[in-house]
Protein backbone atom coordinates (compact mmCIF):
# COMPACT_ATOMS: atom_id res chain seq x y z
CA MET A 1 30.76 -42.27 -12.79
CA CYS A 2 30.09 -38.59 -13.32
CA ASN A 3 31.96 -35.84 -11.49
CA TYR A 4 29.81 -32.75 -11.96
CA GLN A 5 30.82 -29.14 -12.62
CA THR A 6 28.40 -26.48 -11.41
CA LEU A 7 27.49 -24.22 -14.32
CA TYR A 8 24.79 -22.29 -12.48
CA HIS A 9 23.47 -22.22 -8.93
CA GLY A 10 20.93 -19.74 -7.64
CA ALA A 11 17.58 -19.30 -5.94
CA ALA A 12 15.74 -20.56 -9.05
CA GLY A 13 17.72 -23.80 -9.32
CA TYR A 14 20.97 -25.17 -10.67
CA VAL A 15 22.66 -26.52 -13.79
CA ILE A 16 25.46 -29.08 -13.56
CA ARG A 17 27.28 -31.13 -16.16
CA CYS A 18 29.72 -33.99 -16.33
CA PRO A 19 32.85 -32.89 -18.21
CA HIS A 20 33.45 -36.49 -19.31
CA CYS A 21 30.06 -37.58 -20.72
CA LYS A 22 28.79 -33.98 -21.24
CA GLY A 23 25.45 -34.85 -19.59
CA ILE A 24 23.62 -31.83 -18.19
CA GLN A 25 21.20 -31.73 -15.28
CA LEU A 26 18.96 -28.68 -15.06
CA ALA A 27 16.88 -28.01 -11.95
CA PHE A 28 14.36 -25.18 -12.12
CA GLY A 29 11.54 -24.70 -9.65
CA THR A 30 10.27 -28.17 -8.78
CA THR A 31 11.52 -29.82 -12.00
CA VAL A 32 14.83 -31.60 -12.60
CA VAL A 33 15.68 -32.82 -16.08
CA ASN A 34 18.72 -34.60 -17.52
CA LEU A 35 19.72 -33.47 -21.01
CA ASP A 36 22.48 -34.26 -23.45
CA ILE A 37 24.18 -31.28 -25.10
CA THR A 38 21.93 -31.41 -28.18
CA GLU A 39 18.79 -31.49 -26.04
CA PHE A 40 20.12 -28.60 -23.93
CA GLU A 41 20.79 -26.49 -27.03
CA CYS A 42 17.29 -27.20 -28.36
CA PHE A 43 15.77 -26.40 -24.95
CA LYS A 44 17.78 -23.16 -24.72
CA LYS A 45 16.59 -22.04 -28.19
CA MET A 46 12.98 -22.79 -27.31
CA VAL A 47 13.27 -20.91 -23.99
CA ASN A 48 14.86 -17.91 -25.71
CA ARG A 49 12.17 -17.85 -28.39
CA LEU A 50 9.39 -18.02 -25.78
CA SER A 51 11.02 -15.37 -23.59
CA ASP A 52 11.03 -12.98 -26.56
CA ASP A 53 7.24 -13.33 -26.91
CA HIS A 54 5.21 -10.60 -25.26
CA TYR A 55 2.55 -11.98 -22.95
CA HIS A 56 -0.40 -9.72 -22.21
CA THR A 57 -1.31 -11.30 -18.89
CA SER A 58 0.02 -11.48 -15.37
CA GLU A 59 3.75 -12.12 -15.01
CA ASN A 60 2.83 -14.73 -12.36
CA GLU A 61 0.31 -16.79 -14.33
CA LYS A 62 1.57 -20.28 -15.21
CA MET A 63 0.71 -20.27 -18.89
CA ILE A 64 3.81 -21.32 -20.85
CA CYS A 65 4.35 -25.04 -21.53
CA LEU A 66 7.89 -26.21 -22.22
CA PRO A 67 8.03 -29.75 -23.61
CA LEU A 68 10.82 -31.85 -22.14
CA PRO A 69 12.66 -34.80 -23.72
CA ALA A 70 10.65 -37.33 -21.68
CA ASP A 71 7.39 -38.44 -23.27
CA HIS A 72 4.30 -36.66 -21.93
CA VAL A 73 6.27 -34.38 -19.59
CA MET A 74 6.19 -30.57 -19.71
CA MET A 75 7.38 -27.73 -17.55
CA LEU A 76 4.71 -25.10 -16.85
CA VAL A 77 6.14 -21.64 -16.17
CA THR A 78 5.14 -18.00 -15.85
CA PRO A 79 6.39 -15.21 -18.15
CA ALA A 80 8.72 -14.11 -15.33
CA GLU A 81 10.08 -17.65 -14.98
CA ILE A 82 10.68 -18.04 -18.73
CA THR A 83 12.74 -14.84 -18.63
CA ALA A 84 14.75 -16.15 -15.69
CA LEU A 85 15.23 -19.50 -17.43
CA ALA A 86 16.41 -17.74 -20.61
CA ASN A 87 19.00 -15.82 -18.58
CA ILE A 88 20.17 -19.01 -16.86
CA THR A 89 20.50 -21.00 -20.11
CA ALA A 90 22.41 -18.14 -21.76
CA GLU A 91 24.85 -18.01 -18.84
CA VAL A 92 25.26 -21.79 -18.92
CA GLN A 93 25.86 -21.80 -22.68
CA ALA A 94 28.60 -19.19 -22.27
CA LEU A 95 30.32 -21.38 -19.66
CA ILE A 96 29.98 -24.50 -21.82
CA ASP A 97 31.54 -22.62 -24.74
CA ALA A 98 34.39 -21.39 -22.53
CA TYR A 99 35.06 -24.90 -21.15
CA ASP A 100 35.04 -26.32 -24.68
CA ILE A 101 37.62 -23.73 -25.79
CA LEU A 102 39.81 -24.47 -22.76
CA GLU A 103 39.58 -28.23 -23.29
CA THR A 104 40.43 -27.90 -26.97
CA SER A 105 43.34 -25.52 -26.42
CA SER A 106 44.83 -27.63 -23.63
CA GLY A 107 44.62 -30.84 -25.65
CA CYS A 108 42.29 -32.48 -23.13
CA GLU A 109 39.54 -33.22 -25.63
CA SER A 110 38.66 -36.88 -25.48
CA ALA A 111 39.14 -39.00 -28.56
CA GLY A 112 35.94 -40.85 -29.19
């Protein structure tokens, strides 16, 4: 059974993960998605790439589609939301990296 750590919690949503199985749950807007670490890293890279694009329309127009690991499921966000999501995923990645360093240095890394 998972015992979650909160990696992010704010008005836009939350990100939690299980330190044992490394499963991540990301809630943003009205969408909640469960990701493994590889899926999270891929999602984070895609969000960062899209947030770097310059959109020449309203910041509040839902025009950016983010494919999710589930078949036929996407997240539809505005340019403002993609920027917020990029900031959230960067913060979460920094915490994941810090936890990994702490686990490795304390000898708590699981074997297998």
